Amino acid sequence: LSSSLETRTIDTHVMRLRDKLGPARTLLET
């Protein structure tokens, strides 16, 4: 999608994905 889309979409997905990484969640860095 165009980068003109609201980038909060990315933050929400990353938050949910990080939760699913469990003990490896620290590997996904902001």
PDB file of all heavy atoms in Angstrom:
ATOM      1  N   LEU A   1       0.832  -1.198   0.000  1.00  0.00           N
ATOM      2  CA  LEU A   1       0.000   0.000   0.000  1.00  0.00           C
ATOM      3  C   LEU A   1       0.863   1.243   0.000  1.00  0.00           C
ATOM      4  O   LEU A   1       2.029   1.222   0.389  1.00  0.00           O
ATOM      5  CB  LEU A   1      -0.911   0.011   1.231  1.00  0.00           C
ATOM      6  CG  LEU A   1      -1.860  -1.181   1.373  1.00  0.00           C
ATOM      7  CD1 LEU A   1      -2.559  -1.128   2.721  1.00  0.00           C
ATOM      8  CD2 LEU A   1      -2.873  -1.192   0.251  1.00  0.00           C
ATOM      9  N   SER A   2       0.253   2.332  -0.399  1.00  0.00           N
ATOM     10  CA  SER A   2       0.954   3.610  -0.408  1.00  0.00           C
ATOM     11  C   SER A   2       1.356   4.011   1.004  1.00  0.00           C
ATOM     12  O   SER A   2       0.626   3.791   1.966  1.00  0.00           O
ATOM     13  CB  SER A   2       0.048   4.692  -1.004  1.00  0.00           C
ATOM     14  OG  SER A   2       0.577   5.982  -0.760  1.00  0.00           O
ATOM     15  N   SER A   3       2.511   4.633   1.124  1.00  0.00           N
ATOM     16  CA  SER A   3       2.975   5.063   2.435  1.00  0.00           C
ATOM     17  C   SER A   3       2.173   6.237   2.973  1.00  0.00           C
ATOM     18  O   SER A   3       2.414   6.702   4.078  1.00  0.00           O
ATOM     19  CB  SER A   3       4.468   5.452   2.375  1.00  0.00           C
ATOM     20  OG  SER A   3       4.670   6.496   1.442  1.00  0.00           O
ATOM     21  N   SER A   4       1.212   6.730   2.184  1.00  0.00           N
ATOM     22  CA  SER A   4       0.344   7.801   2.691  1.00  0.00           C
ATOM     23  C   SER A   4      -0.688   7.258   3.675  1.00  0.00           C
ATOM     24  O   SER A   4      -1.345   8.015   4.382  1.00  0.00           O
ATOM     25  CB  SER A   4      -0.377   8.493   1.523  1.00  0.00           C
ATOM     26  OG  SER A   4      -1.214   7.577   0.846  1.00  0.00           O
ATOM     27  N   LEU A   5      -0.834   5.921   3.734  1.00  0.00           N
ATOM     28  CA  LEU A   5      -1.751   5.322   4.701  1.00  0.00           C
ATOM     29  C   LEU A   5      -1.246   5.580   6.117  1.00  0.00           C
ATOM     30  O   LEU A   5      -0.045   5.658   6.355  1.00  0.00           O
ATOM     31  CB  LEU A   5      -1.852   3.817   4.464  1.00  0.00           C
ATOM     32  CG  LEU A   5      -2.861   3.040   5.293  1.00  0.00           C
ATOM     33  CD1 LEU A   5      -4.275   3.389   4.868  1.00  0.00           C
ATOM     34  CD2 LEU A   5      -2.633   1.538   5.140  1.00  0.00           C
ATOM     35  N   GLU A   6      -2.150   5.702   7.048  1.00  0.00           N
ATOM     36  CA  GLU A   6      -1.787   5.949   8.440  1.00  0.00           C
ATOM     37  C   GLU A   6      -0.847   4.858   8.962  1.00  0.00           C
ATOM     38  O   GLU A   6      -1.173   3.669   8.932  1.00  0.00           O
ATOM     39  CB  GLU A   6      -3.053   5.991   9.301  1.00  0.00           C
ATOM     40  CG  GLU A   6      -2.784   6.323  10.762  1.00  0.00           C
ATOM     41  CD  GLU A   6      -4.044   6.230  11.600  1.00  0.00           C
ATOM     42  OE1 GLU A   6      -5.115   5.975  11.029  1.00  0.00           O
ATOM     43  OE2 GLU A   6      -3.954   6.399  12.825  1.00  0.00           O
ATOM     44  N   THR A   7       0.336   5.257   9.414  1.00  0.00           N
ATOM     45  CA  THR A   7       1.332   4.267   9.821  1.00  0.00           C
ATOM     46  C   THR A   7       1.030   3.644  11.180  1.00  0.00           C
ATOM     47  O   THR A   7       1.720   2.712  11.588  1.00  0.00           O
ATOM     48  CB  THR A   7       2.747   4.902   9.863  1.00  0.00           C
ATOM     49  OG1 THR A   7       2.716   6.079  10.694  1.00  0.00           O
ATOM     50  CG2 THR A   7       3.209   5.280   8.469  1.00  0.00           C
ATOM     51  N   ARG A   8       0.002   4.097  11.868  1.00  0.00           N
ATOM     52  CA  ARG A   8      -0.401   3.452  13.122  1.00  0.00           C
ATOM     53  C   ARG A   8      -0.792   1.995  12.869  1.00  0.00           C
ATOM     54  O   ARG A   8      -0.686   1.145  13.752  1.00  0.00           O
ATOM     55  CB  ARG A   8      -1.562   4.235  13.741  1.00  0.00           C
ATOM     56  CG  ARG A   8      -2.182   3.571  14.958  1.00  0.00           C
ATOM     57  CD  ARG A   8      -1.234   3.481  16.118  1.00  0.00           C
ATOM     58  NE  ARG A   8      -1.088   4.748  16.790  1.00  0.00           N
ATOM     59  CZ  ARG A   8      -0.392   4.924  17.903  1.00  0.00           C
ATOM     60  NH1 ARG A   8       0.239   3.897  18.446  1.00  0.00           N
ATOM     61  NH2 ARG A   8      -0.297   6.095  18.468  1.00  0.00           N
ATOM     62  N   THR A   9      -1.225   1.698  11.642  1.00  0.00           N
ATOM     63  CA  THR A   9      -1.523   0.315  11.260  1.00  0.00           C
ATOM     64  C   THR A   9      -0.332  -0.586  11.545  1.00  0.00           C
ATOM     65  O   THR A   9      -0.477  -1.699  12.067  1.00  0.00           O
ATOM     66  CB  THR A   9      -1.870   0.243   9.756  1.00  0.00           C
ATOM     67  OG1 THR A   9      -3.020   1.047   9.509  1.00  0.00           O
ATOM     68  CG2 THR A   9      -2.146  -1.189   9.319  1.00  0.00           C
ATOM     69  N   ILE A  10       0.856  -0.125  11.208  1.00  0.00           N
ATOM     70  CA  ILE A  10       2.078  -0.910  11.420  1.00  0.00           C
ATOM     71  C   ILE A  10       2.292  -1.150  12.910  1.00  0.00           C
ATOM     72  O   ILE A  10       2.566  -2.276  13.343  1.00  0.00           O
ATOM     73  CB  ILE A  10       3.306  -0.168  10.848  1.00  0.00           C
ATOM     74  CG1 ILE A  10       3.120   0.112   9.358  1.00  0.00           C
ATOM     75  CG2 ILE A  10       4.575  -0.968  11.101  1.00  0.00           C
ATOM     76  CD1 ILE A  10       3.080  -1.107   8.501  1.00  0.00           C
ATOM     77  N   ASP A  11       2.181  -0.106  13.700  1.00  0.00           N
ATOM     78  CA  ASP A  11       2.445  -0.212  15.141  1.00  0.00           C
ATOM     79  C   ASP A  11       1.510  -1.224  15.793  1.00  0.00           C
ATOM     80  O   ASP A  11       1.931  -2.015  16.646  1.00  0.00           O
ATOM     81  CB  ASP A  11       2.281   1.160  15.818  1.00  0.00           C
ATOM     82  CG  ASP A  11       3.222   2.198  15.248  1.00  0.00           C
ATOM     83  OD1 ASP A  11       4.321   1.816  14.807  1.00  0.00           O
ATOM     84  OD2 ASP A  11       2.864   3.388  15.233  1.00  0.00           O
ATOM     85  N   THR A  12       0.243  -1.215  15.394  1.00  0.00           N
ATOM     86  CA  THR A  12      -0.728  -2.142  15.976  1.00  0.00           C
ATOM     87  C   THR A  12      -0.382  -3.583  15.633  1.00  0.00           C
ATOM     88  O   THR A  12      -0.409  -4.470  16.489  1.00  0.00           O
ATOM     89  CB  THR A  12      -2.148  -1.808  15.474  1.00  0.00           C
ATOM     90  OG1 THR A  12      -2.435  -0.443  15.780  1.00  0.00           O
ATOM     91  CG2 THR A  12      -3.177  -2.693  16.148  1.00  0.00           C
ATOM     92  N   HIS A  13      -0.016  -3.832  14.372  1.00  0.00           N
ATOM     93  CA  HIS A  13       0.341  -5.188  13.975  1.00  0.00           C
ATOM     94  C   HIS A  13       1.615  -5.665  14.663  1.00  0.00           C
ATOM     95  O   HIS A  13       1.709  -6.829  15.074  1.00  0.00           O
ATOM     96  CB  HIS A  13       0.520  -5.259  12.454  1.00  0.00           C
ATOM     97  CG  HIS A  13      -0.763  -5.528  11.724  1.00  0.00           C
ATOM     98  ND1 HIS A  13      -1.632  -4.542  11.371  1.00  0.00           N
ATOM     99  CD2 HIS A  13      -1.325  -6.693  11.308  1.00  0.00           C
ATOM    100  CE1 HIS A  13      -2.670  -5.065  10.745  1.00  0.00           C
ATOM    101  NE2 HIS A  13      -2.504  -6.376  10.695  1.00  0.00           N
ATOM    102  N   VAL A  14       2.592  -4.793  14.782  1.00  0.00           N
ATOM    103  CA  VAL A  14       3.843  -5.176  15.443  1.00  0.00           C
ATOM    104  C   VAL A  14       3.584  -5.514  16.910  1.00  0.00           C
ATOM    105  O   VAL A  14       4.136  -6.478  17.448  1.00  0.00           O
ATOM    106  CB  VAL A  14       4.901  -4.064  15.313  1.00  0.00           C
ATOM    107  CG1 VAL A  14       6.100  -4.336  16.230  1.00  0.00           C
ATOM    108  CG2 VAL A  14       5.376  -3.948  13.870  1.00  0.00           C
ATOM    109  N   MET A  15       2.714  -4.754  17.559  1.00  0.00           N
ATOM    110  CA  MET A  15       2.378  -5.017  18.952  1.00  0.00           C
ATOM    111  C   MET A  15       1.780  -6.415  19.104  1.00  0.00           C
ATOM    112  O   MET A  15       2.171  -7.181  20.002  1.00  0.00           O
ATOM    113  CB  MET A  15       1.385  -3.971  19.451  1.00  0.00           C
ATOM    114  CG  MET A  15       0.912  -4.182  20.888  1.00  0.00           C
ATOM    115  SD  MET A  15      -0.341  -2.964  21.380  1.00  0.00           S
ATOM    116  CE  MET A  15      -1.743  -3.500  20.374  1.00  0.00           C
ATOM    117  N   ARG A  16       0.856  -6.773  18.219  1.00  0.00           N
ATOM    118  CA  ARG A  16       0.239  -8.091  18.285  1.00  0.00           C
ATOM    119  C   ARG A  16       1.237  -9.194  17.947  1.00  0.00           C
ATOM    120  O   ARG A  16       1.249 -10.254  18.575  1.00  0.00           O
ATOM    121  CB  ARG A  16      -0.956  -8.178  17.324  1.00  0.00           C
ATOM    122  CG  ARG A  16      -2.046  -7.145  17.574  1.00  0.00           C
ATOM    123  CD  ARG A  16      -2.548  -7.160  18.978  1.00  0.00           C
ATOM    124  NE  ARG A  16      -2.908  -8.496  19.445  1.00  0.00           N
ATOM    125  CZ  ARG A  16      -3.167  -8.783  20.716  1.00  0.00           C
ATOM    126  NH1 ARG A  16      -3.063  -7.861  21.650  1.00  0.00           N
ATOM    127  NH2 ARG A  16      -3.514 -10.006  21.048  1.00  0.00           N
ATOM    128  N   LEU A  17       2.082  -8.950  16.952  1.00  0.00           N
ATOM    129  CA  LEU A  17       3.085  -9.943  16.568  1.00  0.00           C
ATOM    130  C   LEU A  17       4.082 -10.160  17.693  1.00  0.00           C
ATOM    131  O   LEU A  17       4.449 -11.299  18.001  1.00  0.00           O
ATOM    132  CB  LEU A  17       3.812  -9.482  15.301  1.00  0.00           C
ATOM    133  CG  LEU A  17       4.924 -10.398  14.789  1.00  0.00           C
ATOM    134  CD1 LEU A  17       4.398 -11.792  14.493  1.00  0.00           C
ATOM    135  CD2 LEU A  17       5.564  -9.790  13.535  1.00  0.00           C
ATOM    136  N   ARG A  18       4.494  -9.091  18.334  1.00  0.00           N
ATOM    137  CA  ARG A  18       5.462  -9.214  19.440  1.00  0.00           C
ATOM    138  C   ARG A  18       4.893 -10.073  20.570  1.00  0.00           C
ATOM    139  O   ARG A  18       5.603 -10.885  21.158  1.00  0.00           O
ATOM    140  CB  ARG A  18       5.835  -7.819  19.942  1.00  0.00           C
ATOM    141  CG  ARG A  18       6.939  -7.825  21.009  1.00  0.00           C
ATOM    142  CD  ARG A  18       7.282  -6.410  21.430  1.00  0.00           C
ATOM    143  NE  ARG A  18       8.200  -5.774  20.515  1.00  0.00           N
ATOM    144  CZ  ARG A  18       8.053  -4.546  20.008  1.00  0.00           C
ATOM    145  NH1 ARG A  18       6.962  -3.843  20.313  1.00  0.00           N
ATOM    146  NH2 ARG A  18       8.957  -4.033  19.204  1.00  0.00           N
ATOM    147  N   ASP A  19       3.622  -9.918  20.854  1.00  0.00           N
ATOM    148  CA  ASP A  19       2.989 -10.748  21.889  1.00  0.00           C
ATOM    149  C   ASP A  19       3.083 -12.231  21.539  1.00  0.00           C
ATOM    150  O   ASP A  19       3.268 -13.082  22.413  1.00  0.00           O
ATOM    151  CB  ASP A  19       1.520 -10.362  22.067  1.00  0.00           C
ATOM    152  CG  ASP A  19       1.350  -9.040  22.808  1.00  0.00           C
ATOM    153  OD1 ASP A  19       2.327  -8.594  23.449  1.00  0.00           O
ATOM    154  OD2 ASP A  19       0.245  -8.463  22.750  1.00  0.00           O
ATOM    155  N   LYS A  20       2.979 -12.561  20.245  1.00  0.00           N
ATOM    156  CA  LYS A  20       3.000 -13.957  19.814  1.00  0.00           C
ATOM    157  C   LYS A  20       4.408 -14.556  19.825  1.00  0.00           C
ATOM    158  O   LYS A  20       4.556 -15.778  19.744  1.00  0.00           O
ATOM    159  CB  LYS A  20       2.371 -14.088  18.430  1.00  0.00           C
ATOM    160  CG  LYS A  20       0.873 -13.781  18.427  1.00  0.00           C
ATOM    161  CD  LYS A  20       0.240 -14.040  17.079  1.00  0.00           C
ATOM    162  CE  LYS A  20      -1.270 -13.786  17.128  1.00  0.00           C
ATOM    163  NZ  LYS A  20      -1.936 -14.105  15.845  1.00  0.00           N
ATOM    164  N   LEU A  21       5.427 -13.712  19.911  1.00  0.00           N
ATOM    165  CA  LEU A  21       6.803 -14.223  19.961  1.00  0.00           C
ATOM    166  C   LEU A  21       7.154 -14.781  21.333  1.00  0.00           C
ATOM    167  O   LEU A  21       8.168 -15.463  21.487  1.00  0.00           O
ATOM    168  CB  LEU A  21       7.802 -13.118  19.581  1.00  0.00           C
ATOM    169  CG  LEU A  21       7.660 -12.507  18.192  1.00  0.00           C
ATOM    170  CD1 LEU A  21       8.813 -11.556  17.924  1.00  0.00           C
ATOM    171  CD2 LEU A  21       7.571 -13.566  17.112  1.00  0.00           C
ATOM    172  N   GLY A  22       6.330 -14.478  22.328  1.00  0.00           N
ATOM    173  CA  GLY A  22       6.534 -15.041  23.670  1.00  0.00           C
ATOM    174  C   GLY A  22       7.902 -14.711  24.238  1.00  0.00           C
ATOM    175  O   GLY A  22       8.298 -13.536  24.295  1.00  0.00           O
ATOM    176  N   PRO A  23       8.687 -15.727  24.636  1.00  0.00           N
ATOM    177  CA  PRO A  23       9.987 -15.485  25.256  1.00  0.00           C
ATOM    178  C   PRO A  23      11.002 -14.838  24.308  1.00  0.00           C
ATOM    179  O   PRO A  23      12.029 -14.339  24.755  1.00  0.00           O
ATOM    180  CB  PRO A  23      10.457 -16.888  25.666  1.00  0.00           C
ATOM    181  CG  PRO A  23       9.696 -17.822  24.778  1.00  0.00           C
ATOM    182  CD  PRO A  23       8.366 -17.168  24.558  1.00  0.00           C
ATOM    183  N   ALA A  24      10.687 -14.835  23.004  1.00  0.00           N
ATOM    184  CA  ALA A  24      11.605 -14.227  22.029  1.00  0.00           C
ATOM    185  C   ALA A  24      11.152 -12.826  21.617  1.00  0.00           C
ATOM    186  O   ALA A  24      11.668 -12.258  20.654  1.00  0.00           O
ATOM    187  CB  ALA A  24      11.709 -15.126  20.802  1.00  0.00           C
ATOM    188  N   ARG A  25      10.213 -12.254  22.357  1.00  0.00           N
ATOM    189  CA  ARG A  25       9.646 -10.955  21.982  1.00  0.00           C
ATOM    190  C   ARG A  25      10.684  -9.840  21.924  1.00  0.00           C
ATOM    191  O   ARG A  25      10.534  -8.884  21.167  1.00  0.00           O
ATOM    192  CB  ARG A  25       8.523 -10.564  22.939  1.00  0.00           C
ATOM    193  CG  ARG A  25       8.924 -10.471  24.395  1.00  0.00           C
ATOM    194  CD  ARG A  25       7.766 -10.084  25.312  1.00  0.00           C
ATOM    195  NE  ARG A  25       7.323  -8.729  25.074  1.00  0.00           N
ATOM    196  CZ  ARG A  25       6.129  -8.395  24.667  1.00  0.00           C
ATOM    197  NH1 ARG A  25       5.207  -9.311  24.438  1.00  0.00           N
ATOM    198  NH2 ARG A  25       5.813  -7.121  24.467  1.00  0.00           N
ATOM    199  N   THR A  26      11.769  -9.976  22.702  1.00  0.00           N
ATOM    200  CA  THR A  26      12.799  -8.921  22.709  1.00  0.00           C
ATOM    201  C   THR A  26      13.589  -8.877  21.406  1.00  0.00           C
ATOM    202  O   THR A  26      14.318  -7.908  21.160  1.00  0.00           O
ATOM    203  CB  THR A  26      13.771  -9.112  23.883  1.00  0.00           C
ATOM    204  OG1 THR A  26      14.357 -10.422  23.803  1.00  0.00           O
ATOM    205  CG2 THR A  26      13.052  -8.957  25.219  1.00  0.00           C
ATOM    206  N   LEU A  27      13.448  -9.917  20.574  1.00  0.00           N
ATOM    207  CA  LEU A  27      14.160  -9.917  19.288  1.00  0.00           C
ATOM    208  C   LEU A  27      13.549  -8.924  18.302  1.00  0.00           C
ATOM    209  O   LEU A  27      14.215  -8.495  17.356  1.00  0.00           O
ATOM    210  CB  LEU A  27      14.147 -11.314  18.658  1.00  0.00           C
ATOM    211  CG  LEU A  27      14.811 -12.441  19.443  1.00  0.00           C
ATOM    212  CD1 LEU A  27      14.796 -13.730  18.630  1.00  0.00           C
ATOM    213  CD2 LEU A  27      16.247 -12.072  19.824  1.00  0.00           C
ATOM    214  N   LEU A  28      12.291  -8.572  18.524  1.00  0.00           N
ATOM    215  CA  LEU A  28      11.618  -7.595  17.658  1.00  0.00           C
ATOM    216  C   LEU A  28      11.735  -6.221  18.317  1.00  0.00           C
ATOM    217  O   LEU A  28      11.029  -5.908  19.269  1.00  0.00           O
ATOM    218  CB  LEU A  28      10.152  -7.991  17.461  1.00  0.00           C
ATOM    219  CG  LEU A  28       9.273  -7.062  16.611  1.00  0.00           C
ATOM    220  CD1 LEU A  28       9.949  -6.658  15.322  1.00  0.00           C
ATOM    221  CD2 LEU A  28       7.930  -7.727  16.332  1.00  0.00           C
ATOM    222  N   GLU A  29      12.666  -5.444  17.816  1.00  0.00           N
ATOM    223  CA  GLU A  29      12.993  -4.166  18.437  1.00  0.00           C
ATOM    224  C   GLU A  29      12.310  -2.993  17.742  1.00  0.00           C
ATOM    225  O   GLU A  29      12.148  -2.986  16.521  1.00  0.00           O
ATOM    226  CB  GLU A  29      14.508  -3.933  18.396  1.00  0.00           C
ATOM    227  CG  GLU A  29      15.321  -4.900  19.227  1.00  0.00           C
ATOM    228  CD  GLU A  29      16.795  -4.558  19.244  1.00  0.00           C
ATOM    229  OE1 GLU A  29      17.237  -3.761  18.384  1.00  0.00           O
ATOM    230  OE2 GLU A  29      17.508  -5.080  20.118  1.00  0.00           O
ATOM    231  N   THR A  30      11.945  -2.005  18.550  1.00  0.00           N
ATOM    232  CA  THR A  30      11.456  -0.729  18.036  1.00  0.00           C
ATOM    233  C   THR A  30      12.624   0.239  17.959  1.00  0.00           C
ATOM    234  O   THR A  30      13.360   0.411  18.938  1.00  0.00           O
ATOM    235  CB  THR A  30      10.380  -0.138  18.963  1.00  0.00           C
ATOM    236  OG1 THR A  30       9.284  -1.055  19.064  1.00  0.00           O
ATOM    237  CG2 THR A  30       9.883   1.198  18.428  1.00  0.00           C
TER     238      THR A  30
END
